[in-house]
N, C-alpha and C. Protein backbone atom coordinates (compact mmCIF):
# COMPACT_ATOMS: atom_id res chain seq x y z
N MET A 1 58.48 97.07 144.22
CA MET A 1 58.84 96.03 145.15
C MET A 1 60.20 96.35 145.75
N ARG A 2 60.34 96.04 147.00
CA ARG A 2 61.61 96.23 147.70
C ARG A 2 61.94 94.93 148.44
N LYS A 3 63.17 94.47 148.26
CA LYS A 3 63.67 93.32 149.02
C LYS A 3 64.90 93.78 149.78
N VAL A 4 65.01 93.32 151.01
CA VAL A 4 66.11 93.73 151.88
C VAL A 4 67.01 92.52 152.16
N PHE A 5 68.31 92.75 152.04
CA PHE A 5 69.31 91.72 152.31
C PHE A 5 70.31 92.30 153.30
N GLN A 6 71.09 91.44 153.94
CA GLN A 6 72.07 91.93 154.90
C GLN A 6 73.31 91.05 154.86
N ILE A 7 74.45 91.70 154.98
CA ILE A 7 75.73 91.00 155.06
C ILE A 7 76.56 91.70 156.14
N THR A 8 77.34 90.93 156.88
CA THR A 8 78.24 91.50 157.88
C THR A 8 79.66 91.35 157.36
N ILE A 9 80.40 92.45 157.39
CA ILE A 9 81.77 92.47 156.88
C ILE A 9 82.72 92.75 158.04
N PRO A 10 83.76 91.92 158.20
CA PRO A 10 84.67 92.08 159.34
C PRO A 10 85.70 93.19 159.14
N LEU A 11 85.19 94.41 158.99
CA LEU A 11 86.04 95.60 158.84
C LEU A 11 85.40 96.76 159.58
N PRO A 12 86.20 97.73 160.04
CA PRO A 12 85.62 98.95 160.59
C PRO A 12 84.81 99.68 159.51
N LYS A 13 83.90 100.53 159.92
CA LYS A 13 82.98 101.19 158.98
C LYS A 13 83.70 101.95 157.87
N GLU A 14 84.78 102.67 158.20
CA GLU A 14 85.49 103.46 157.18
C GLU A 14 86.10 102.56 156.10
N LYS A 15 86.73 101.47 156.51
CA LYS A 15 87.31 100.55 155.53
C LYS A 15 86.22 99.81 154.76
N CYS A 16 85.13 99.51 155.43
CA CYS A 16 84.00 98.84 154.77
C CYS A 16 83.41 99.76 153.71
N PHE A 17 83.36 101.06 153.99
CA PHE A 17 82.85 102.02 153.01
C PHE A 17 83.67 101.95 151.73
N LYS A 18 84.99 101.94 151.88
CA LYS A 18 85.87 101.86 150.70
C LYS A 18 85.66 100.54 149.95
N LEU A 19 85.50 99.45 150.69
CA LEU A 19 85.30 98.13 150.09
C LEU A 19 84.00 98.08 149.30
N VAL A 20 82.91 98.55 149.89
CA VAL A 20 81.61 98.52 149.22
C VAL A 20 81.61 99.46 148.02
N ASN A 21 82.22 100.62 148.16
CA ASN A 21 82.31 101.57 147.04
C ASN A 21 83.07 100.95 145.87
N LYS A 22 84.21 100.36 146.15
CA LYS A 22 85.01 99.71 145.10
C LYS A 22 84.24 98.55 144.47
N SER A 23 83.60 97.75 145.29
CA SER A 23 82.87 96.57 144.81
C SER A 23 81.71 96.97 143.91
N GLY A 24 80.94 97.97 144.31
CA GLY A 24 79.83 98.44 143.49
C GLY A 24 80.29 99.03 142.17
N SER A 25 81.43 99.73 142.20
CA SER A 25 81.93 100.35 140.96
C SER A 25 82.46 99.32 139.97
N GLU A 26 82.78 98.12 140.44
CA GLU A 26 83.29 97.07 139.57
C GLU A 26 82.18 96.31 138.83
N ILE A 27 80.95 96.52 139.21
CA ILE A 27 79.85 95.80 138.57
C ILE A 27 79.47 96.57 137.31
N GLY A 28 79.63 95.90 136.18
CA GLY A 28 79.58 96.53 134.87
C GLY A 28 78.37 97.38 134.55
N ASN A 29 77.17 96.92 134.83
CA ASN A 29 76.00 97.68 134.40
C ASN A 29 75.39 98.52 135.53
N TRP A 30 76.14 98.75 136.61
CA TRP A 30 75.68 99.63 137.68
C TRP A 30 76.36 100.99 137.53
N ARG A 31 75.60 102.05 137.85
CA ARG A 31 76.22 103.37 137.91
C ARG A 31 75.83 104.03 139.23
N SER A 32 76.78 104.66 139.84
CA SER A 32 76.55 105.30 141.13
C SER A 32 75.69 106.55 140.95
N THR A 33 74.66 106.69 141.79
CA THR A 33 73.82 107.88 141.74
C THR A 33 73.91 108.70 143.02
N PHE A 34 74.42 108.08 144.12
CA PHE A 34 74.51 108.80 145.38
C PHE A 34 75.49 108.09 146.30
N THR A 35 76.33 108.88 146.97
CA THR A 35 77.26 108.34 147.97
C THR A 35 77.37 109.36 149.10
N ASP A 36 77.26 108.89 150.34
CA ASP A 36 77.40 109.74 151.51
C ASP A 36 78.33 109.02 152.49
N LYS A 37 79.59 109.40 152.48
CA LYS A 37 80.59 108.71 153.30
C LYS A 37 80.31 108.88 154.79
N ARG A 38 79.92 110.06 155.20
CA ARG A 38 79.69 110.34 156.62
C ARG A 38 78.62 109.43 157.22
N ASN A 39 77.54 109.20 156.46
CA ASN A 39 76.44 108.39 156.96
C ASN A 39 76.47 106.95 156.45
N GLY A 40 77.45 106.62 155.61
CA GLY A 40 77.59 105.26 155.11
C GLY A 40 76.47 104.84 154.18
N LEU A 41 76.14 105.70 153.21
CA LEU A 41 75.04 105.41 152.29
C LEU A 41 75.53 105.36 150.85
N PHE A 42 74.95 104.45 150.09
CA PHE A 42 75.25 104.31 148.66
C PHE A 42 73.95 104.12 147.90
N GLU A 43 73.96 104.53 146.64
CA GLU A 43 72.85 104.18 145.75
C GLU A 43 73.41 104.01 144.35
N TRP A 44 72.99 102.92 143.71
CA TRP A 44 73.35 102.64 142.32
C TRP A 44 72.08 102.37 141.54
N LYS A 45 72.15 102.59 140.23
CA LYS A 45 71.07 102.19 139.31
C LYS A 45 71.65 101.16 138.37
N GLN A 46 70.83 100.16 138.06
CA GLN A 46 71.24 99.21 137.04
C GLN A 46 71.09 99.88 135.70
N GLY A 47 72.11 99.75 134.86
CA GLY A 47 72.10 100.41 133.56
C GLY A 47 71.08 99.85 132.60
N ALA A 48 70.85 98.56 132.63
CA ALA A 48 69.95 97.92 131.67
C ALA A 48 68.50 98.05 132.13
N LEU A 49 67.66 98.54 131.24
CA LEU A 49 66.23 98.60 131.54
C LEU A 49 65.60 97.26 131.20
N THR A 50 64.70 96.84 132.04
CA THR A 50 63.94 95.62 131.77
C THR A 50 62.47 96.01 131.73
N ALA A 51 61.62 95.05 131.51
CA ALA A 51 60.18 95.32 131.48
C ALA A 51 59.68 95.87 132.81
N THR A 52 60.41 95.57 133.89
CA THR A 52 60.01 96.06 135.21
C THR A 52 60.80 97.28 135.65
N GLY A 53 61.49 97.93 134.72
CA GLY A 53 62.23 99.15 135.03
C GLY A 53 63.62 98.87 135.56
N ALA A 54 64.44 99.90 135.60
CA ALA A 54 65.81 99.77 136.11
C ALA A 54 65.77 99.62 137.63
N SER A 55 66.54 98.68 138.13
CA SER A 55 66.60 98.44 139.57
C SER A 55 67.43 99.52 140.25
N THR A 56 67.05 99.85 141.47
CA THR A 56 67.83 100.73 142.33
C THR A 56 68.42 99.85 143.43
N ILE A 57 69.70 100.04 143.69
CA ILE A 57 70.38 99.28 144.73
C ILE A 57 70.87 100.29 145.77
N GLN A 58 70.43 100.12 147.02
CA GLN A 58 70.85 101.00 148.10
C GLN A 58 71.60 100.17 149.13
N ALA A 59 72.67 100.73 149.67
CA ALA A 59 73.42 100.07 150.74
C ALA A 59 73.56 101.05 151.90
N ILE A 60 73.32 100.53 153.10
CA ILE A 60 73.41 101.33 154.32
C ILE A 60 74.37 100.62 155.26
N LEU A 61 75.44 101.30 155.65
CA LEU A 61 76.45 100.72 156.54
C LEU A 61 76.17 101.12 157.98
N THR A 62 76.29 100.15 158.89
CA THR A 62 76.12 100.41 160.31
C THR A 62 77.24 99.70 161.07
N ALA A 63 78.02 100.46 161.84
CA ALA A 63 79.10 99.86 162.63
C ALA A 63 78.50 98.94 163.69
N GLN A 64 79.05 97.74 163.81
CA GLN A 64 78.59 96.77 164.80
C GLN A 64 79.62 96.59 165.91
N GLY A 65 80.63 97.38 165.90
CA GLY A 65 81.74 97.30 166.84
C GLY A 65 82.94 97.94 166.18
N ASP A 66 84.11 97.75 166.78
CA ASP A 66 85.31 98.36 166.22
C ASP A 66 85.73 97.74 164.89
N ASN A 67 85.48 96.46 164.72
CA ASN A 67 85.99 95.76 163.53
C ASN A 67 84.92 94.97 162.80
N GLU A 68 83.70 95.44 162.83
CA GLU A 68 82.62 94.74 162.12
C GLU A 68 81.56 95.75 161.68
N THR A 69 81.10 95.59 160.45
CA THR A 69 80.10 96.50 159.89
C THR A 69 78.98 95.70 159.25
N SER A 70 77.76 96.09 159.56
CA SER A 70 76.58 95.49 158.94
C SER A 70 76.24 96.31 157.69
N VAL A 71 75.98 95.61 156.59
CA VAL A 71 75.60 96.27 155.35
C VAL A 71 74.19 95.80 154.99
N GLU A 72 73.24 96.72 155.06
CA GLU A 72 71.87 96.43 154.63
C GLU A 72 71.74 96.85 153.18
N VAL A 73 71.29 95.93 152.34
CA VAL A 73 71.17 96.20 150.91
C VAL A 73 69.70 96.12 150.52
N ASN A 74 69.17 97.21 149.98
CA ASN A 74 67.80 97.26 149.50
C ASN A 74 67.81 97.21 147.98
N ILE A 75 67.06 96.28 147.42
CA ILE A 75 66.91 96.18 145.97
C ILE A 75 65.49 96.63 145.66
N ILE A 76 65.36 97.66 144.83
CA ILE A 76 64.06 98.23 144.51
C ILE A 76 63.78 98.04 143.03
N LYS A 77 62.71 97.33 142.73
CA LYS A 77 62.24 97.12 141.35
C LYS A 77 60.94 97.90 141.23
N PRO A 78 60.93 99.03 140.49
CA PRO A 78 59.79 99.95 140.53
C PRO A 78 58.46 99.41 140.02
N PHE A 79 58.45 98.56 139.02
CA PHE A 79 57.18 98.11 138.44
C PHE A 79 56.96 96.62 138.63
N GLN A 80 57.50 96.09 139.70
CA GLN A 80 57.39 94.65 139.95
C GLN A 80 56.76 94.45 141.33
N LEU A 81 55.77 93.56 141.42
CA LEU A 81 55.09 93.32 142.69
C LEU A 81 55.66 92.14 143.46
N TRP A 82 56.15 91.13 142.78
CA TRP A 82 56.78 89.98 143.42
C TRP A 82 57.94 89.52 142.55
N ASP A 83 58.71 88.61 143.07
CA ASP A 83 59.97 88.23 142.42
C ASP A 83 60.10 86.71 142.29
N PRO A 84 59.25 86.08 141.47
CA PRO A 84 59.31 84.62 141.37
C PRO A 84 60.60 84.11 140.73
N ALA A 85 61.25 84.90 139.91
CA ALA A 85 62.51 84.48 139.27
C ALA A 85 63.72 84.82 140.14
N ARG A 86 63.48 85.42 141.30
CA ARG A 86 64.54 85.77 142.26
C ARG A 86 65.60 86.71 141.65
N LEU A 87 65.13 87.67 140.84
CA LEU A 87 66.04 88.64 140.24
C LEU A 87 66.72 89.51 141.30
N CYS A 88 65.96 89.87 142.34
CA CYS A 88 66.54 90.70 143.40
C CYS A 88 67.68 89.96 144.10
N ASP A 89 67.51 88.66 144.31
CA ASP A 89 68.56 87.86 144.93
C ASP A 89 69.82 87.88 144.06
N ARG A 90 69.65 87.77 142.75
CA ARG A 90 70.80 87.78 141.84
C ARG A 90 71.52 89.12 141.87
N ILE A 91 70.74 90.20 141.94
CA ILE A 91 71.34 91.54 142.01
C ILE A 91 72.16 91.66 143.29
N PHE A 92 71.58 91.23 144.43
CA PHE A 92 72.31 91.28 145.70
C PHE A 92 73.58 90.43 145.65
N ARG A 93 73.49 89.25 145.10
CA ARG A 93 74.64 88.33 145.05
C ARG A 93 75.81 88.94 144.27
N LYS A 94 75.53 89.77 143.27
CA LYS A 94 76.62 90.44 142.54
C LYS A 94 77.43 91.31 143.48
N LEU A 95 76.74 92.10 144.32
CA LEU A 95 77.44 92.96 145.27
C LEU A 95 78.13 92.13 146.35
N GLU A 96 77.44 91.13 146.86
CA GLU A 96 78.02 90.28 147.90
C GLU A 96 79.30 89.60 147.40
N LYS A 97 79.25 89.01 146.21
CA LYS A 97 80.44 88.34 145.65
C LYS A 97 81.58 89.31 145.42
N ALA A 98 81.28 90.50 144.91
CA ALA A 98 82.33 91.51 144.68
C ALA A 98 82.96 91.93 146.01
N CYS A 99 82.16 92.11 147.05
CA CYS A 99 82.69 92.49 148.37
C CYS A 99 83.58 91.38 148.93
N LEU A 100 83.12 90.14 148.86
CA LEU A 100 83.91 89.03 149.39
C LEU A 100 85.21 88.84 148.60
N ARG A 101 85.14 89.02 147.29
CA ARG A 101 86.34 88.91 146.46
C ARG A 101 87.36 90.00 146.83
N ASN A 102 86.88 91.24 146.98
CA ASN A 102 87.77 92.35 147.33
C ASN A 102 88.27 92.24 148.77
N LEU A 103 87.48 91.66 149.64
CA LEU A 103 87.89 91.48 151.04
C LEU A 103 89.04 90.49 151.13
N SER A 104 89.00 89.46 150.31
CA SER A 104 90.05 88.43 150.37
C SER A 104 91.32 88.82 149.62
N SER A 105 91.25 89.90 148.84
CA SER A 105 92.46 90.30 148.09
C SER A 105 93.23 91.40 148.78
């Protein structure tokens, strides 16, 4: 299963890359598996295995102007067909909250 989320961050793409990278690295059970600064791509794996497998979190940055960047976040649960407990939403909210916290500091 794949769920897609989106957040807009009021920063240029290069600064947004640093913000998202820092925010993802602060989440305790995530580990980075891929980063591409030039294309604005990230991938993390959740450290804890569940009955539906470890989640993959992908982020894709797209400049929306000089001072705004769109961040598309894909949450992939390999052995799950639907998400009645909204686990994907919770995974996304961890990254969103970390980004907003780091943006305000």
